[in-house]
Amino acid sequence: MTEYPIDMNAHPGVTGYFDDDSNTITYLVTDPATKACAIIDSVMDLDYAAGRISTDSADQLIAEVQSQGLVLEWIIETHVHADHLSAAPYIQEKLGGKIGVGARIIEVQDTFGKIFNEGTEFQRDGSQFDALFEDGDTYSVGRMQGFAMATPGHTPACMVHVIGDAAFTGDTLFMPDGGSARADFPGGDAGQLFDSIQKVLAMPDEMRLFICHDYGPNGREIAWSTTVGEERATNIHVGGGKTREEFIAFRTKRDAELEMPRLIIPSLQVNMRAGEIPRGNDDNLVLKVPLNRLHWQ
C-alpha cells in the first residue's frame, strides 16, 4: 500500500468558484507563505445549443490570480470530466503553469479515441499534458507539497489531490448527502470506487475535503467543503460502516437508472486533449457526435 506524505500542518488558502451550468466547483489554491498557487478543475463556458464557447468563468479566475499578484504553478485536472469543458490551455496561455492529470489518461484516450473515431494524429500517450501523475507522486505549490492519490472507479484516471490539510476529491466523493460518483463509464468499476473512497476516508478526520460537484440535494444550498470525519460518519453511500458488497449493489442499481451527462459528448473529446478543442480539415473548431456509441450500460 502506498504511504502518502500527509502534512496536516500546512494550511493552504482555498477559494471555490461555482459554475451554475455544470454544477462544477473550480478551486484556486494558494500558499500563504508565497505567491504561488494552483487551479484545480477549471471550466470553459459552453452554450451547446448555439455551438459557442466563452471564457467568462476562466477570466474570473485569471483576474483573481492577477489581482493578488499570484504565480500559477499548476493547472490540475482530477480526471477527464464528462460534464464540462476544461479551460486549462486558455488559462495556461494567460498565466503559465503546468497542466497535470493522472497517468491512466492513456487508457481513457484509447477508449474514447475509438468511440470518437479519432485518426492517427490524435496521440494516445498523454503527451497533451505537461505532467502525468502516478499514485503517490509529489509536486510543489510554493513551499507546500502536494501529492496525487490514485482513486480509480469513476474513471481509470481519477485522482484525489492533497495539498497540506486540503484534499480535492474530483468526482470520487461528493458531500455527505450527495454520496458518490457513478461507476458505469468505460473503465469504471464500483468495487474499485469503494476501495478508492476507503483510501480517502483513511486520512485524518480533520482533513478538509473539497468536492468537484454539488447539486443541492433536497433543496439545500450549494456546498462544497466537508471533512474526512464527516464523510466517514454520514456519507449516504459509504458512511456509517457500509460494506463493499452493499455499495456495489447500490451503485450498480443506481447507475443503471442514470441518464448520460448533458455535455458528455463535447466534454470527453475536449478534455482527453487537455482542454484543446479539435479542429477540422479547414482548421475550424469542430466537435463530433458519435451516434449509438455511448450506450455501454
Protein backbone atom coordinates (compact mmCIF):
# COMPACT_ATOMS: atom_id res chain seq x y z
CA MET A 1 0.00 0.00 0.00
CA THR A 2 1.26 3.46 -0.89
CA GLU A 3 2.27 5.63 2.06
CA TYR A 4 1.20 9.19 1.38
CA PRO A 5 3.14 12.23 2.70
CA ILE A 6 0.28 13.89 4.56
CA ASP A 7 1.19 17.19 6.25
CA MET A 8 -1.67 18.48 8.36
CA ASN A 9 0.45 21.44 9.49
CA ALA A 10 0.29 23.06 6.05
CA HIS A 11 -2.91 25.06 5.59
CA PRO A 12 -3.40 26.32 2.02
CA GLY A 13 -5.88 29.01 1.20
CA VAL A 14 -8.79 27.61 -0.83
CA THR A 15 -11.37 29.59 -2.78
CA GLY A 16 -14.17 27.82 -4.66
CA TYR A 17 -15.89 29.14 -7.79
CA PHE A 18 -19.24 27.55 -8.59
CA ASP A 19 -20.38 27.11 -12.20
CA ASP A 20 -24.18 27.06 -12.33
CA ASP A 21 -24.41 25.43 -15.76
CA SER A 22 -22.42 22.31 -14.89
CA ASN A 23 -22.64 22.37 -11.07
CA THR A 24 -18.84 22.31 -11.03
CA ILE A 25 -16.63 23.90 -8.39
CA THR A 26 -13.22 25.16 -9.54
CA TYR A 27 -10.61 25.79 -6.87
CA LEU A 28 -7.90 28.39 -6.50
CA VAL A 29 -5.36 27.02 -4.03
CA THR A 30 -2.77 29.40 -2.60
CA ASP A 31 0.37 29.05 -0.50
CA PRO A 32 0.07 31.56 2.38
CA ALA A 33 3.85 31.87 2.62
CA THR A 34 4.47 32.73 -1.03
CA LYS A 35 2.63 34.00 -4.09
CA ALA A 36 2.35 30.51 -5.59
CA CYS A 37 -1.00 28.97 -6.50
CA ALA A 38 -2.72 26.13 -8.31
CA ILE A 39 -6.05 25.91 -10.13
CA ILE A 40 -8.00 22.67 -9.91
CA ASP A 41 -10.77 21.61 -12.32
CA SER A 42 -11.28 24.77 -14.37
CA VAL A 43 -14.33 25.40 -16.59
CA MET A 44 -14.69 26.71 -20.15
CA ASP A 45 -18.21 28.06 -20.73
CA LEU A 46 -20.19 26.32 -23.45
CA ASP A 47 -23.55 27.17 -24.99
CA TYR A 48 -24.04 23.73 -26.54
CA ALA A 49 -27.23 24.56 -28.44
CA ALA A 50 -25.60 27.59 -30.07
CA GLY A 51 -22.23 25.91 -30.61
CA ARG A 52 -20.50 28.77 -28.82
CA ILE A 53 -17.72 28.79 -26.22
CA SER A 54 -16.76 31.70 -23.98
CA THR A 55 -14.23 32.35 -21.26
CA ASP A 56 -16.19 34.23 -18.58
CA SER A 57 -15.51 31.68 -15.84
CA ALA A 58 -11.83 31.34 -16.72
CA ASP A 59 -11.43 35.11 -16.98
CA GLN A 60 -12.79 35.50 -13.45
CA LEU A 61 -10.09 33.14 -12.19
CA ILE A 62 -7.38 34.83 -14.21
CA ALA A 63 -8.40 38.24 -12.89
CA GLU A 64 -8.27 36.97 -9.31
CA VAL A 65 -4.80 35.49 -9.77
CA GLN A 66 -3.55 38.72 -11.31
CA SER A 67 -5.18 41.00 -8.74
CA GLN A 68 -3.45 39.11 -5.91
CA GLY A 69 -0.12 39.05 -7.72
CA LEU A 70 -0.09 35.24 -7.62
CA VAL A 71 2.14 32.95 -9.66
CA LEU A 72 0.29 30.00 -11.18
CA GLU A 73 2.37 26.84 -10.93
CA TRP A 74 -0.16 24.08 -11.61
CA ILE A 75 -3.42 23.61 -13.52
CA ILE A 76 -4.70 20.26 -12.30
CA GLU A 77 -7.43 18.05 -13.71
CA THR A 78 -8.69 15.49 -11.20
CA HIS A 79 -9.88 13.37 -14.15
CA VAL A 80 -11.33 13.62 -17.66
CA HIS A 81 -14.62 15.29 -16.87
CA ALA A 82 -17.81 14.26 -18.66
CA ASP A 83 -19.92 17.27 -17.71
CA HIS A 84 -17.90 20.37 -18.56
CA LEU A 85 -15.06 21.54 -20.77
CA SER A 86 -11.71 22.32 -19.18
CA ALA A 87 -10.27 25.81 -19.62
CA ALA A 88 -6.72 24.59 -18.86
CA PRO A 89 -5.00 25.63 -22.13
CA TYR A 90 -6.63 29.06 -22.11
CA ILE A 91 -5.55 29.69 -18.52
CA GLN A 92 -2.06 28.39 -19.26
CA GLU A 93 -1.75 30.77 -22.21
CA LYS A 94 -2.61 33.72 -19.95
CA LEU A 95 -0.83 32.74 -16.73
CA GLY A 96 1.60 29.90 -17.41
CA GLY A 97 1.77 26.83 -15.17
CA LYS A 98 1.85 23.11 -15.91
CA ILE A 99 -1.23 21.05 -16.77
CA GLY A 100 -1.34 17.76 -14.85
CA VAL A 101 -3.60 14.69 -14.87
CA GLY A 102 -3.48 11.06 -13.77
CA ALA A 103 -1.17 8.80 -15.80
CA ARG A 104 -4.03 6.47 -16.68
CA ILE A 105 -5.30 9.18 -19.02
CA ILE A 106 -3.70 6.97 -21.67
CA GLU A 107 -6.41 4.34 -21.12
CA VAL A 108 -9.13 6.98 -21.35
CA GLN A 109 -7.65 8.36 -24.57
CA ASP A 110 -7.51 4.89 -26.09
CA THR A 111 -11.13 4.13 -25.18
CA PHE A 112 -12.64 7.39 -26.36
CA GLY A 113 -10.27 7.81 -29.27
CA LYS A 114 -12.05 4.77 -30.73
CA ILE A 115 -15.54 5.96 -29.81
CA PHE A 116 -14.94 9.36 -31.45
CA ASN A 117 -13.19 7.76 -34.42
CA GLU A 118 -10.08 9.86 -33.94
CA GLY A 119 -7.35 9.47 -36.54
CA THR A 120 -3.69 8.72 -36.03
CA GLU A 121 -2.99 12.43 -35.49
CA PHE A 122 -4.65 12.09 -32.05
CA GLN A 123 -1.84 10.97 -29.75
CA ARG A 124 -2.95 8.44 -27.14
CA ASP A 125 0.11 8.78 -24.91
CA GLY A 126 -0.91 11.65 -22.63
CA SER A 127 1.51 14.00 -24.38
CA GLN A 128 -1.11 16.77 -24.47
CA PHE A 129 -0.49 17.21 -20.73
CA ASP A 130 2.67 18.55 -19.07
CA ALA A 131 2.64 16.02 -16.22
CA LEU A 132 1.15 12.54 -15.80
CA PHE A 133 0.80 11.72 -12.12
CA GLU A 134 1.32 8.23 -10.75
CA ASP A 135 -0.07 7.18 -7.37
CA GLY A 136 1.90 8.95 -4.65
CA ASP A 137 3.70 11.40 -6.94
CA THR A 138 4.53 14.70 -5.25
CA TYR A 139 4.78 18.26 -6.54
CA SER A 140 5.20 21.73 -5.07
CA VAL A 141 2.94 24.75 -4.84
CA GLY A 142 5.28 27.35 -3.42
CA ARG A 143 6.63 25.91 -0.17
CA MET A 144 3.76 23.45 0.16
CA GLN A 145 3.99 19.86 -1.03
CA GLY A 146 1.09 18.30 -2.85
CA PHE A 147 0.61 14.69 -3.81
CA ALA A 148 -1.64 12.67 -6.07
CA MET A 149 -3.70 9.77 -4.73
CA ALA A 150 -4.95 7.37 -7.39
CA THR A 151 -8.69 6.82 -6.91
CA PRO A 152 -9.98 4.83 -9.91
CA GLY A 153 -13.57 3.69 -10.09
CA HIS A 154 -15.46 6.59 -11.61
CA THR A 155 -12.84 6.64 -14.38
CA PRO A 156 -9.43 4.92 -14.54
CA ALA A 157 -7.52 8.22 -14.36
CA CYS A 158 -9.30 9.71 -11.33
CA MET A 159 -7.07 11.19 -8.66
CA VAL A 160 -7.58 13.00 -5.38
CA HIS A 161 -5.03 15.78 -4.95
CA VAL A 162 -3.89 16.56 -1.41
CA ILE A 163 -2.09 19.79 -0.53
CA GLY A 164 -1.44 20.15 3.19
CA ASP A 165 -4.69 19.72 5.09
CA ALA A 166 -6.83 20.14 1.96
CA ALA A 167 -7.87 17.32 -0.39
CA PHE A 168 -9.61 17.86 -3.71
CA THR A 169 -11.76 14.84 -4.43
CA GLY A 170 -12.83 15.35 -8.04
CA ASP A 171 -15.80 13.05 -8.68
CA THR A 172 -14.65 10.31 -6.31
CA LEU A 173 -16.67 11.57 -3.36
CA PHE A 174 -19.44 14.15 -3.02
CA MET A 175 -20.87 15.94 0.01
CA PRO A 176 -22.17 13.55 2.71
CA ASP A 177 -25.78 13.92 1.49
CA GLY A 178 -24.64 13.59 -2.15
CA GLY A 179 -22.84 10.25 -1.79
CA SER A 180 -20.52 9.18 -4.56
CA ALA A 181 -19.98 9.33 -8.31
CA ARG A 182 -21.31 6.87 -10.87
CA ALA A 183 -19.09 3.96 -11.87
CA ASP A 184 -20.60 2.81 -15.16
CA PHE A 185 -18.48 4.74 -17.66
CA PRO A 186 -15.98 2.70 -19.71
CA GLY A 187 -13.16 1.74 -17.34
CA GLY A 188 -15.31 2.46 -14.30
CA ASP A 189 -15.82 -0.10 -11.57
CA ALA A 190 -18.00 0.14 -8.44
CA GLY A 191 -15.71 -2.11 -6.40
CA GLN A 192 -12.67 -0.03 -7.31
CA LEU A 193 -14.58 3.13 -6.45
CA PHE A 194 -15.41 1.78 -2.99
CA ASP A 195 -11.75 0.88 -2.42
CA SER A 196 -10.64 4.31 -3.58
CA ILE A 197 -13.07 6.04 -1.24
CA GLN A 198 -11.69 4.00 1.66
CA LYS A 199 -8.24 5.44 0.89
CA VAL A 200 -9.69 8.93 1.18
CA LEU A 201 -11.53 8.08 4.40
CA ALA A 202 -8.33 6.67 5.91
CA MET A 203 -6.85 10.18 6.06
CA PRO A 204 -7.12 12.17 9.34
CA ASP A 205 -10.61 13.20 10.44
CA GLU A 206 -9.63 16.88 10.22
CA MET A 207 -8.56 16.69 6.57
CA ARG A 208 -10.62 19.23 4.65
CA LEU A 209 -12.33 17.79 1.57
CA PHE A 210 -13.28 19.96 -1.39
CA ILE A 211 -15.84 18.47 -3.77
CA CYS A 212 -15.86 18.95 -7.55
CA HIS A 213 -19.66 18.92 -7.99
CA ASP A 214 -22.69 19.67 -5.89
CA TYR A 215 -26.37 19.57 -6.85
CA GLY A 216 -28.02 20.76 -3.63
CA PRO A 217 -29.84 17.52 -2.69
CA ASN A 218 -33.32 18.02 -1.21
CA GLY A 219 -33.22 21.73 -1.94
CA ARG A 220 -30.32 22.69 0.33
CA GLU A 221 -27.93 25.45 -0.65
CA ILE A 222 -24.93 24.53 -2.81
CA ALA A 223 -21.95 23.46 -0.67
CA TRP A 224 -18.53 22.06 -1.42
CA SER A 225 -16.48 21.75 1.77
CA THR A 226 -16.59 18.93 4.30
CA THR A 227 -14.12 16.76 6.23
CA VAL A 228 -12.98 13.16 6.25
CA GLY A 229 -14.59 12.66 9.65
CA GLU A 230 -17.97 13.93 8.44
CA GLU A 231 -17.84 11.74 5.33
CA ARG A 232 -16.84 8.64 7.24
CA ALA A 233 -19.70 9.09 9.69
CA THR A 234 -22.57 10.28 7.49
CA ASN A 235 -21.95 9.83 3.75
CA ILE A 236 -25.18 8.27 2.46
CA HIS A 237 -23.39 5.82 0.15
CA VAL A 238 -20.30 4.76 2.09
CA GLY A 239 -20.53 6.20 5.61
CA GLY A 240 -21.52 4.51 8.83
CA GLY A 241 -19.67 1.29 8.09
CA LYS A 242 -21.41 0.30 4.85
CA THR A 243 -19.78 -2.75 3.29
CA ARG A 244 -18.16 -3.11 -0.10
CA GLU A 245 -20.89 -5.54 -1.19
CA GLU A 246 -23.65 -3.14 -0.14
CA PHE A 247 -22.02 -0.31 -2.04
CA ILE A 248 -21.52 -2.33 -5.24
CA ALA A 249 -25.15 -3.48 -5.21
CA PHE A 250 -26.45 0.04 -4.63
CA ARG A 251 -24.10 1.71 -7.11
CA THR A 252 -24.84 -0.81 -9.87
CA LYS A 253 -28.60 -0.42 -9.49
CA ARG A 254 -28.41 3.35 -9.24
CA ASP A 255 -26.12 3.76 -12.26
CA ALA A 256 -28.47 1.76 -14.46
CA GLU A 257 -31.14 4.40 -13.79
CA LEU A 258 -29.00 7.45 -14.59
CA GLU A 259 -29.09 9.38 -17.86
CA MET A 260 -25.92 10.42 -19.65
CA PRO A 261 -24.49 13.81 -18.58
CA ARG A 262 -25.82 16.60 -20.79
CA LEU A 263 -22.37 17.68 -22.01
CA ILE A 264 -20.67 14.28 -22.16
CA ILE A 265 -20.10 14.34 -25.95
CA PRO A 266 -18.24 17.66 -26.14
CA SER A 267 -16.58 17.23 -22.75
CA LEU A 268 -14.87 13.91 -23.38
CA GLN A 269 -13.35 14.77 -26.74
CA VAL A 270 -12.07 18.11 -25.45
CA ASN A 271 -10.87 17.05 -22.00
CA MET A 272 -8.97 13.99 -23.21
CA ARG A 273 -6.94 16.57 -25.19
CA ALA A 274 -6.12 18.58 -22.04
CA GLY A 275 -8.83 21.10 -22.91
CA GLU A 276 -7.88 21.68 -26.54
CA ILE A 277 -10.86 21.71 -28.91
CA PRO A 278 -10.25 19.54 -32.00
CA ARG A 279 -10.05 21.14 -35.43
CA GLY A 280 -11.47 20.06 -38.77
CA ASN A 281 -9.68 19.95 -42.12
CA ASP A 282 -10.36 23.67 -42.59
CA ASP A 283 -8.78 24.41 -39.17
CA ASN A 284 -12.12 25.44 -37.67
CA LEU A 285 -13.02 24.18 -34.20
CA VAL A 286 -15.18 21.09 -34.64
CA LEU A 287 -16.87 18.63 -32.27
CA LYS A 288 -18.12 15.21 -33.34
CA VAL A 289 -21.34 13.45 -32.32
CA PRO A 290 -20.79 9.68 -32.42
CA LEU A 291 -24.18 8.03 -32.91
CA ASN A 292 -25.15 4.89 -30.99
CA ARG A 293 -21.68 4.61 -29.43
CA LEU A 294 -22.28 5.73 -25.85
CA HIS A 295 -24.74 3.01 -24.83
CA TRP A 296 -22.35 0.97 -22.70
CA GLN A 297 -24.75 0.35 -19.82
